[in-house]
């Protein structure tokens, strides 16, 4: 019985492919220009490029507000107030995982969401990435439509 449960878990983590509603090619191309955010704001790119967990969708929140539900090979772009700390959270197996970052006005920030092994289903976590690594990753991804979370 344990063996069957393990096989089902591994299948869910490594097969299939979840999908979410995507932005237009024009909006995606504009976001990939990595332009400066509006005055007094900072740009935030949250992306998911990990191979593990292709069948899973995971919610992402910024300061408690839904940014969107991620799927494999997608990113979100939003702006937050500069000069203050913001909290980026992602749905995980038992509770949300949170990353708090100080955002400087006029800069773009990159946060990678990745799927990790869990006890029953895959969990998710977040890590801040360098601008160079973030731009390189986002350039290969599609932009998801923000604002829809499962919870």
N, C-alpha and C. Protein backbone atom coordinates (compact mmCIF):
# COMPACT_ATOMS: atom_id res chain seq x y z
N UNK A 1 0.83 -1.20 0.00
CA UNK A 1 0.00 0.00 0.00
C UNK A 1 0.87 1.26 0.00
N UNK A 2 1.93 1.27 0.83
CA UNK A 2 2.82 2.42 0.86
C UNK A 2 3.51 2.61 -0.49
N UNK A 3 3.83 1.50 -1.12
CA UNK A 3 4.50 1.57 -2.42
C UNK A 3 3.59 2.22 -3.46
N UNK A 4 2.31 1.88 -3.44
CA UNK A 4 1.35 2.46 -4.38
C UNK A 4 1.22 3.96 -4.14
N UNK A 5 1.12 4.34 -2.87
CA UNK A 5 1.02 5.76 -2.54
C UNK A 5 2.25 6.53 -3.01
N UNK A 6 3.41 5.95 -2.86
CA UNK A 6 4.64 6.59 -3.31
C UNK A 6 4.65 6.75 -4.83
N UNK A 7 4.21 5.73 -5.54
CA UNK A 7 4.16 5.80 -7.01
C UNK A 7 3.20 6.90 -7.46
N UNK A 8 2.04 7.00 -6.81
CA UNK A 8 1.06 8.03 -7.16
C UNK A 8 1.65 9.41 -6.89
N UNK A 9 2.30 9.59 -5.75
CA UNK A 9 2.92 10.86 -5.41
C UNK A 9 3.98 11.24 -6.42
N UNK A 10 4.84 10.34 -6.76
CA UNK A 10 5.91 10.62 -7.71
C UNK A 10 5.33 10.94 -9.09
N UNK A 11 4.27 10.25 -9.47
CA UNK A 11 3.64 10.53 -10.76
C UNK A 11 3.08 11.95 -10.79
N UNK A 12 2.46 12.35 -9.71
CA UNK A 12 1.89 13.70 -9.65
C UNK A 12 2.98 14.76 -9.69
N UNK A 13 4.11 14.48 -9.10
CA UNK A 13 5.20 15.45 -9.07
C UNK A 13 5.94 15.56 -10.39
N UNK A 14 6.06 14.48 -11.12
CA UNK A 14 6.93 14.48 -12.28
C UNK A 14 6.23 14.35 -13.63
N UNK A 15 4.92 14.20 -13.66
CA UNK A 15 4.22 14.05 -14.93
C UNK A 15 3.08 15.03 -15.03
N UNK A 16 2.45 15.03 -16.19
CA UNK A 16 1.32 15.92 -16.38
C UNK A 16 1.80 17.35 -16.50
N UNK A 17 0.88 18.23 -16.79
CA UNK A 17 1.26 19.62 -16.92
C UNK A 17 0.06 20.50 -16.61
N UNK A 18 0.15 21.24 -15.52
CA UNK A 18 -0.92 22.16 -15.16
C UNK A 18 -0.86 23.37 -16.07
N UNK A 19 -1.99 24.03 -16.26
CA UNK A 19 -1.99 25.24 -17.07
C UNK A 19 -2.86 26.30 -16.41
N UNK A 20 -2.55 27.55 -16.72
CA UNK A 20 -3.30 28.69 -16.22
C UNK A 20 -3.56 29.63 -17.39
N UNK A 21 -4.45 30.60 -17.20
CA UNK A 21 -4.75 31.56 -18.25
C UNK A 21 -3.53 32.45 -18.49
N UNK A 22 -3.22 32.66 -19.76
CA UNK A 22 -2.01 33.40 -20.13
C UNK A 22 -2.34 34.77 -20.72
N UNK A 23 -1.39 35.69 -20.58
CA UNK A 23 -1.49 37.03 -21.16
C UNK A 23 -1.20 36.97 -22.65
N UNK A 24 -1.50 38.03 -23.35
CA UNK A 24 -1.25 38.10 -24.79
C UNK A 24 0.26 38.12 -25.08
N UNK A 25 0.60 37.79 -26.30
CA UNK A 25 2.01 37.82 -26.72
C UNK A 25 2.56 39.24 -26.60
N UNK A 26 1.73 40.25 -26.88
CA UNK A 26 2.18 41.64 -26.79
C UNK A 26 2.49 42.04 -25.35
N UNK A 27 1.61 41.69 -24.42
CA UNK A 27 1.84 42.01 -23.01
C UNK A 27 3.06 41.28 -22.48
N UNK A 28 3.23 40.03 -22.90
CA UNK A 28 4.39 39.24 -22.48
C UNK A 28 5.67 39.87 -22.99
N UNK A 29 5.69 40.25 -24.26
CA UNK A 29 6.88 40.86 -24.86
C UNK A 29 7.23 42.17 -24.15
N UNK A 30 6.22 42.97 -23.82
CA UNK A 30 6.46 44.23 -23.12
C UNK A 30 7.07 43.98 -21.74
N UNK A 31 6.54 43.00 -21.01
CA UNK A 31 7.07 42.68 -19.68
C UNK A 31 8.52 42.20 -19.77
N UNK A 32 8.84 41.51 -20.85
CA UNK A 32 10.20 40.99 -21.03
C UNK A 32 11.20 42.07 -21.47
N UNK A 33 10.76 43.29 -21.64
CA UNK A 33 11.68 44.40 -21.91
C UNK A 33 12.30 44.90 -20.60
N UNK A 34 11.73 44.48 -19.47
CA UNK A 34 12.24 44.79 -18.14
C UNK A 34 12.42 46.29 -17.93
N UNK A 35 11.42 47.04 -18.40
CA UNK A 35 11.46 48.50 -18.26
C UNK A 35 11.38 48.92 -16.80
N UNK A 36 11.74 50.18 -16.59
CA UNK A 36 11.70 50.72 -15.23
C UNK A 36 10.25 50.82 -14.75
N UNK A 37 10.02 50.53 -13.49
CA UNK A 37 8.66 50.66 -12.93
C UNK A 37 8.26 52.13 -12.81
N UNK A 38 6.99 52.36 -12.54
CA UNK A 38 6.48 53.72 -12.36
C UNK A 38 7.21 54.41 -11.20
N UNK A 39 7.22 55.74 -11.21
CA UNK A 39 7.88 56.51 -10.16
C UNK A 39 7.36 56.09 -8.78
N UNK A 40 8.29 55.87 -7.86
CA UNK A 40 7.93 55.48 -6.49
C UNK A 40 7.62 54.02 -6.33
N UNK A 41 7.74 53.25 -7.41
CA UNK A 41 7.42 51.82 -7.36
C UNK A 41 8.64 50.96 -7.68
N UNK A 42 8.51 49.69 -7.38
CA UNK A 42 9.51 48.68 -7.75
C UNK A 42 8.78 47.61 -8.55
N UNK A 43 9.47 47.04 -9.52
CA UNK A 43 8.91 45.95 -10.31
C UNK A 43 9.18 44.62 -9.64
N UNK A 44 8.20 43.73 -9.71
CA UNK A 44 8.36 42.39 -9.13
C UNK A 44 7.97 41.36 -10.17
N UNK A 45 8.92 40.49 -10.47
CA UNK A 45 8.69 39.34 -11.34
C UNK A 45 8.75 38.10 -10.45
N UNK A 46 7.69 37.31 -10.47
CA UNK A 46 7.67 36.04 -9.75
C UNK A 46 7.51 34.97 -10.83
N UNK A 47 8.44 34.01 -10.86
CA UNK A 47 8.41 33.03 -11.93
C UNK A 47 8.62 31.61 -11.41
N UNK A 48 8.22 30.67 -12.25
CA UNK A 48 8.37 29.24 -11.93
C UNK A 48 8.95 28.54 -13.14
N UNK A 49 10.15 28.03 -12.98
CA UNK A 49 10.84 27.38 -14.09
C UNK A 49 11.37 25.99 -13.73
N UNK A 50 10.94 25.46 -12.59
CA UNK A 50 11.47 24.16 -12.15
C UNK A 50 10.82 23.01 -12.91
N UNK A 51 11.57 21.96 -13.10
CA UNK A 51 11.08 20.77 -13.79
C UNK A 51 10.13 19.96 -12.91
N UNK A 52 10.40 19.92 -11.62
CA UNK A 52 9.61 19.12 -10.68
C UNK A 52 8.22 19.73 -10.51
N UNK A 53 7.20 18.89 -10.40
CA UNK A 53 5.86 19.35 -10.09
C UNK A 53 5.09 19.94 -11.25
N UNK A 54 5.30 19.45 -12.43
CA UNK A 54 4.64 19.98 -13.63
C UNK A 54 3.11 19.90 -13.54
N UNK A 55 2.58 18.97 -12.76
CA UNK A 55 1.13 18.80 -12.67
C UNK A 55 0.50 19.70 -11.60
N UNK A 56 1.31 20.45 -10.86
CA UNK A 56 0.80 21.23 -9.75
C UNK A 56 0.66 22.71 -10.08
N UNK A 57 -0.39 23.32 -9.54
CA UNK A 57 -0.57 24.77 -9.58
C UNK A 57 -0.47 25.24 -8.13
N UNK A 58 0.17 26.38 -7.92
CA UNK A 58 0.35 26.91 -6.57
C UNK A 58 0.07 28.40 -6.55
N UNK A 59 -0.72 28.84 -5.56
CA UNK A 59 -1.05 30.25 -5.40
C UNK A 59 0.16 31.06 -4.98
N UNK A 60 0.18 32.33 -5.41
CA UNK A 60 1.20 33.28 -5.00
C UNK A 60 0.47 34.54 -4.54
N UNK A 61 0.89 35.09 -3.40
CA UNK A 61 0.30 36.31 -2.86
C UNK A 61 1.39 37.34 -2.61
N UNK A 62 1.05 38.61 -2.78
CA UNK A 62 1.93 39.72 -2.44
C UNK A 62 1.19 40.56 -1.41
N UNK A 63 1.76 40.66 -0.22
CA UNK A 63 1.14 41.39 0.89
C UNK A 63 -0.29 40.91 1.14
N UNK A 64 -0.50 39.60 1.03
CA UNK A 64 -1.79 39.00 1.32
C UNK A 64 -2.81 39.08 0.20
N UNK A 65 -2.45 39.70 -0.93
CA UNK A 65 -3.36 39.80 -2.07
C UNK A 65 -2.92 38.82 -3.15
N UNK A 66 -3.90 38.18 -3.77
CA UNK A 66 -3.61 37.18 -4.79
C UNK A 66 -2.87 37.81 -5.97
N UNK A 67 -1.68 37.28 -6.27
CA UNK A 67 -0.99 37.65 -7.50
C UNK A 67 -1.46 36.73 -8.61
N UNK A 68 -1.61 35.44 -8.29
CA UNK A 68 -2.08 34.48 -9.27
C UNK A 68 -1.73 33.07 -8.89
N UNK A 69 -2.17 32.16 -9.71
CA UNK A 69 -1.90 30.74 -9.51
C UNK A 69 -0.86 30.34 -10.55
N UNK A 70 0.28 29.86 -10.07
CA UNK A 70 1.37 29.53 -10.99
C UNK A 70 1.19 28.13 -11.57
N UNK A 71 1.83 27.96 -12.68
CA UNK A 71 1.92 26.67 -13.36
C UNK A 71 3.35 26.59 -13.89
N UNK A 72 3.75 25.46 -14.45
CA UNK A 72 5.10 25.36 -14.97
C UNK A 72 5.37 26.38 -16.08
N UNK A 73 6.57 26.94 -16.06
CA UNK A 73 7.07 27.80 -17.14
C UNK A 73 6.27 29.08 -17.33
N UNK A 74 5.85 29.70 -16.21
CA UNK A 74 5.13 30.97 -16.29
C UNK A 74 5.76 31.99 -15.34
N UNK A 75 5.45 33.26 -15.60
CA UNK A 75 5.85 34.33 -14.68
C UNK A 75 4.71 35.32 -14.54
N UNK A 76 4.79 36.09 -13.45
CA UNK A 76 3.89 37.20 -13.20
C UNK A 76 4.74 38.45 -13.07
N UNK A 77 4.19 39.58 -13.47
CA UNK A 77 4.85 40.86 -13.25
C UNK A 77 3.85 41.80 -12.60
N UNK A 78 4.30 42.48 -11.55
CA UNK A 78 3.48 43.46 -10.87
C UNK A 78 4.40 44.56 -10.35
N UNK A 79 3.81 45.61 -9.83
CA UNK A 79 4.58 46.67 -9.20
C UNK A 79 4.11 46.83 -7.76
N UNK A 80 5.07 47.15 -6.89
CA UNK A 80 4.78 47.37 -5.47
C UNK A 80 5.38 48.72 -5.08
N UNK A 81 4.93 49.27 -3.98
CA UNK A 81 5.47 50.54 -3.50
C UNK A 81 6.94 50.37 -3.17
N UNK A 82 7.74 51.32 -3.62
CA UNK A 82 9.16 51.30 -3.32
C UNK A 82 9.43 51.86 -1.94
N UNK A 83 10.62 51.56 -1.42
CA UNK A 83 11.03 52.09 -0.13
C UNK A 83 10.40 51.40 1.06
N UNK A 84 9.85 50.21 0.83
CA UNK A 84 9.27 49.47 1.96
C UNK A 84 9.40 47.97 1.76
N UNK A 85 9.17 47.24 2.84
CA UNK A 85 9.24 45.79 2.81
C UNK A 85 7.90 45.22 2.35
N UNK A 86 7.99 44.18 1.53
CA UNK A 86 6.78 43.49 1.08
C UNK A 86 6.96 42.00 1.33
N UNK A 87 5.82 41.33 1.47
CA UNK A 87 5.81 39.90 1.75
C UNK A 87 5.25 39.15 0.55
N UNK A 88 6.07 38.24 0.01
CA UNK A 88 5.65 37.38 -1.09
C UNK A 88 5.45 36.00 -0.48
N UNK A 89 4.30 35.39 -0.72
CA UNK A 89 3.98 34.08 -0.14
C UNK A 89 3.53 33.12 -1.22
N UNK A 90 3.75 31.85 -0.97
CA UNK A 90 3.26 30.83 -1.88
C UNK A 90 2.61 29.71 -1.09
N UNK A 91 1.61 29.15 -1.69
CA UNK A 91 0.90 27.99 -1.14
C UNK A 91 1.88 26.83 -1.09
N UNK A 92 1.88 26.12 0.04
CA UNK A 92 2.72 24.93 0.13
C UNK A 92 1.87 23.79 0.65
N UNK A 93 2.50 22.75 1.12
CA UNK A 93 1.75 21.56 1.49
C UNK A 93 0.86 21.77 2.72
N UNK A 94 1.41 22.33 3.78
CA UNK A 94 0.64 22.48 5.01
C UNK A 94 0.34 23.93 5.37
N UNK A 95 1.22 24.84 5.01
CA UNK A 95 1.00 26.27 5.26
C UNK A 95 1.81 27.05 4.24
N UNK A 96 1.55 28.34 4.16
CA UNK A 96 2.24 29.17 3.17
C UNK A 96 3.71 29.35 3.54
N UNK A 97 4.56 29.43 2.54
CA UNK A 97 5.96 29.81 2.73
C UNK A 97 6.08 31.25 2.30
N UNK A 98 6.81 32.04 3.08
CA UNK A 98 6.86 33.48 2.90
C UNK A 98 8.30 33.97 2.75
N UNK A 99 8.45 34.99 1.91
CA UNK A 99 9.72 35.66 1.70
C UNK A 99 9.46 37.16 1.87
N UNK A 100 10.18 37.80 2.78
CA UNK A 100 10.05 39.25 3.00
C UNK A 100 11.26 39.92 2.40
N UNK A 101 11.00 40.94 1.55
CA UNK A 101 12.08 41.66 0.88
C UNK A 101 11.84 43.16 0.96
N UNK A 102 12.93 43.89 1.07
CA UNK A 102 12.89 45.35 1.01
C UNK A 102 13.00 45.75 -0.46
N UNK A 103 12.09 46.58 -0.94
CA UNK A 103 12.05 46.98 -2.34
C UNK A 103 12.46 48.44 -2.49
N UNK A 104 13.44 48.68 -3.34
CA UNK A 104 13.91 50.03 -3.64
C UNK A 104 13.18 50.54 -4.88
N UNK A 105 12.72 51.78 -4.81
CA UNK A 105 12.02 52.38 -5.96
C UNK A 105 12.92 52.36 -7.19
N UNK A 106 12.29 52.11 -8.35
CA UNK A 106 13.00 52.17 -9.62
C UNK A 106 13.72 50.90 -10.02
N UNK A 107 13.70 49.89 -9.18
CA UNK A 107 14.41 48.64 -9.49
C UNK A 107 13.41 47.51 -9.75
N UNK A 108 13.87 46.51 -10.50
CA UNK A 108 13.10 45.29 -10.71
C UNK A 108 13.68 44.18 -9.83
N UNK A 109 12.81 43.38 -9.26
CA UNK A 109 13.21 42.27 -8.40
C UNK A 109 12.66 40.97 -8.98
N UNK A 110 13.38 39.89 -8.75
CA UNK A 110 13.03 38.60 -9.31
C UNK A 110 12.97 37.56 -8.20
N UNK A 111 11.83 36.87 -8.14
CA UNK A 111 11.62 35.82 -7.14
C UNK A 111 11.24 34.55 -7.87
N UNK A 112 11.96 33.49 -7.58
CA UNK A 112 11.70 32.18 -8.19
C UNK A 112 10.87 31.34 -7.24
N UNK A 113 9.78 30.81 -7.76
CA UNK A 113 8.97 29.83 -7.02
C UNK A 113 9.42 28.45 -7.51
N UNK A 114 9.66 27.54 -6.58
CA UNK A 114 10.04 26.19 -6.98
C UNK A 114 9.24 25.18 -6.19
N UNK A 115 9.06 24.03 -6.79
CA UNK A 115 8.30 22.94 -6.17
C UNK A 115 9.29 22.00 -5.50
N UNK A 116 8.92 21.57 -4.31
CA UNK A 116 9.77 20.65 -3.56
C UNK A 116 8.95 19.45 -3.11
N UNK A 117 9.63 18.40 -2.79
CA UNK A 117 8.96 17.17 -2.33
C UNK A 117 8.20 17.45 -1.04
N UNK A 118 7.06 16.78 -0.88
CA UNK A 118 6.27 16.91 0.33
C UNK A 118 5.89 15.53 0.86
N UNK A 119 5.19 15.52 1.97
CA UNK A 119 4.75 14.26 2.56
C UNK A 119 3.62 13.63 1.74
N UNK A 120 2.70 14.45 1.25
CA UNK A 120 1.54 13.95 0.49
C UNK A 120 1.50 14.49 -0.93
N UNK A 121 1.78 15.76 -1.10
CA UNK A 121 1.87 16.38 -2.42
C UNK A 121 3.08 17.31 -2.40
N UNK A 122 3.46 17.79 -3.55
CA UNK A 122 4.60 18.71 -3.59
C UNK A 122 4.26 20.03 -2.93
N UNK A 123 5.23 20.58 -2.24
CA UNK A 123 5.08 21.90 -1.66
C UNK A 123 5.77 22.92 -2.55
N UNK A 124 5.70 24.19 -2.18
CA UNK A 124 6.36 25.23 -2.95
C UNK A 124 7.12 26.14 -2.01
N UNK A 125 8.16 26.77 -2.54
CA UNK A 125 8.93 27.73 -1.78
C UNK A 125 9.38 28.84 -2.71
N UNK A 126 9.97 29.89 -2.14
CA UNK A 126 10.39 31.06 -2.89
C UNK A 126 11.84 31.40 -2.58
N UNK A 127 12.54 31.95 -3.58
CA UNK A 127 13.88 32.45 -3.35
C UNK A 127 14.12 33.66 -4.24
N UNK A 128 14.81 34.67 -3.67
CA UNK A 128 15.16 35.83 -4.46
C UNK A 128 16.31 35.46 -5.38
N UNK A 129 16.23 35.93 -6.61
CA UNK A 129 17.27 35.67 -7.60
C UNK A 129 17.94 36.98 -8.02
N UNK A 130 19.14 36.88 -8.54
CA UNK A 130 19.82 38.07 -9.04
C UNK A 130 19.08 38.58 -10.27
N UNK A 131 19.29 39.85 -10.59
CA UNK A 131 18.64 40.42 -11.76
C UNK A 131 19.05 39.67 -13.03
N UNK A 132 20.32 39.35 -13.17
CA UNK A 132 20.81 38.65 -14.37
C UNK A 132 20.16 37.28 -14.51
N UNK A 133 20.13 36.51 -13.42
CA UNK A 133 19.52 35.17 -13.48
C UNK A 133 18.02 35.25 -13.68
N UNK A 134 17.37 36.23 -13.05
CA UNK A 134 15.94 36.40 -13.20
C UNK A 134 15.55 36.76 -14.62
N UNK A 135 16.26 37.69 -15.23
CA UNK A 135 15.97 38.09 -16.60
C UNK A 135 16.17 36.92 -17.56
N UNK A 136 17.23 36.17 -17.35
CA UNK A 136 17.51 35.02 -18.22
C UNK A 136 16.39 33.99 -18.13
N UNK A 137 15.91 33.72 -16.93
CA UNK A 137 14.84 32.74 -16.74
C UNK A 137 13.51 33.24 -17.32
N UNK A 138 13.13 34.47 -16.99
CA UNK A 138 11.85 35.03 -17.43
C UNK A 138 11.79 35.11 -18.96
N UNK A 139 12.92 35.38 -19.60
CA UNK A 139 12.95 35.49 -21.07
C UNK A 139 12.47 34.21 -21.75
N UNK A 140 12.53 33.08 -21.07
CA UNK A 140 12.14 31.79 -21.65
C UNK A 140 10.71 31.39 -21.30
N UNK A 141 10.00 32.21 -20.51
CA UNK A 141 8.70 31.82 -19.97
C UNK A 141 7.56 32.64 -20.56
N UNK A 142 6.33 32.15 -20.36
CA UNK A 142 5.14 32.89 -20.75
C UNK A 142 4.58 33.62 -19.55
N UNK A 143 3.87 34.73 -19.79
CA UNK A 143 3.31 35.52 -18.68
C UNK A 143 1.87 35.09 -18.41
N UNK A 144 1.65 34.70 -17.17
CA UNK A 144 0.31 34.28 -16.73
C UNK A 144 -0.54 35.50 -16.39
N UNK A 145 -1.84 35.36 -16.55
CA UNK A 145 -2.78 36.41 -16.19
C UNK A 145 -2.90 36.46 -14.66
N UNK A 146 -2.70 37.63 -14.07
CA UNK A 146 -2.76 37.72 -12.60
C UNK A 146 -4.18 37.72 -12.07
N UNK A 147 -4.28 37.53 -10.75
CA UNK A 147 -5.52 37.75 -10.05
C UNK A 147 -6.42 36.58 -9.76
N UNK A 148 -6.02 35.37 -10.14
CA UNK A 148 -6.86 34.20 -9.86
C UNK A 148 -6.10 33.22 -8.99
N UNK A 149 -6.59 33.01 -7.77
CA UNK A 149 -5.99 32.04 -6.86
C UNK A 149 -7.05 30.98 -6.51
N UNK A 150 -6.58 29.82 -6.11
CA UNK A 150 -7.51 28.73 -5.79
C UNK A 150 -8.11 28.89 -4.39
N UNK A 151 -7.43 29.63 -3.53
CA UNK A 151 -7.91 29.78 -2.15
C UNK A 151 -8.40 31.18 -1.89
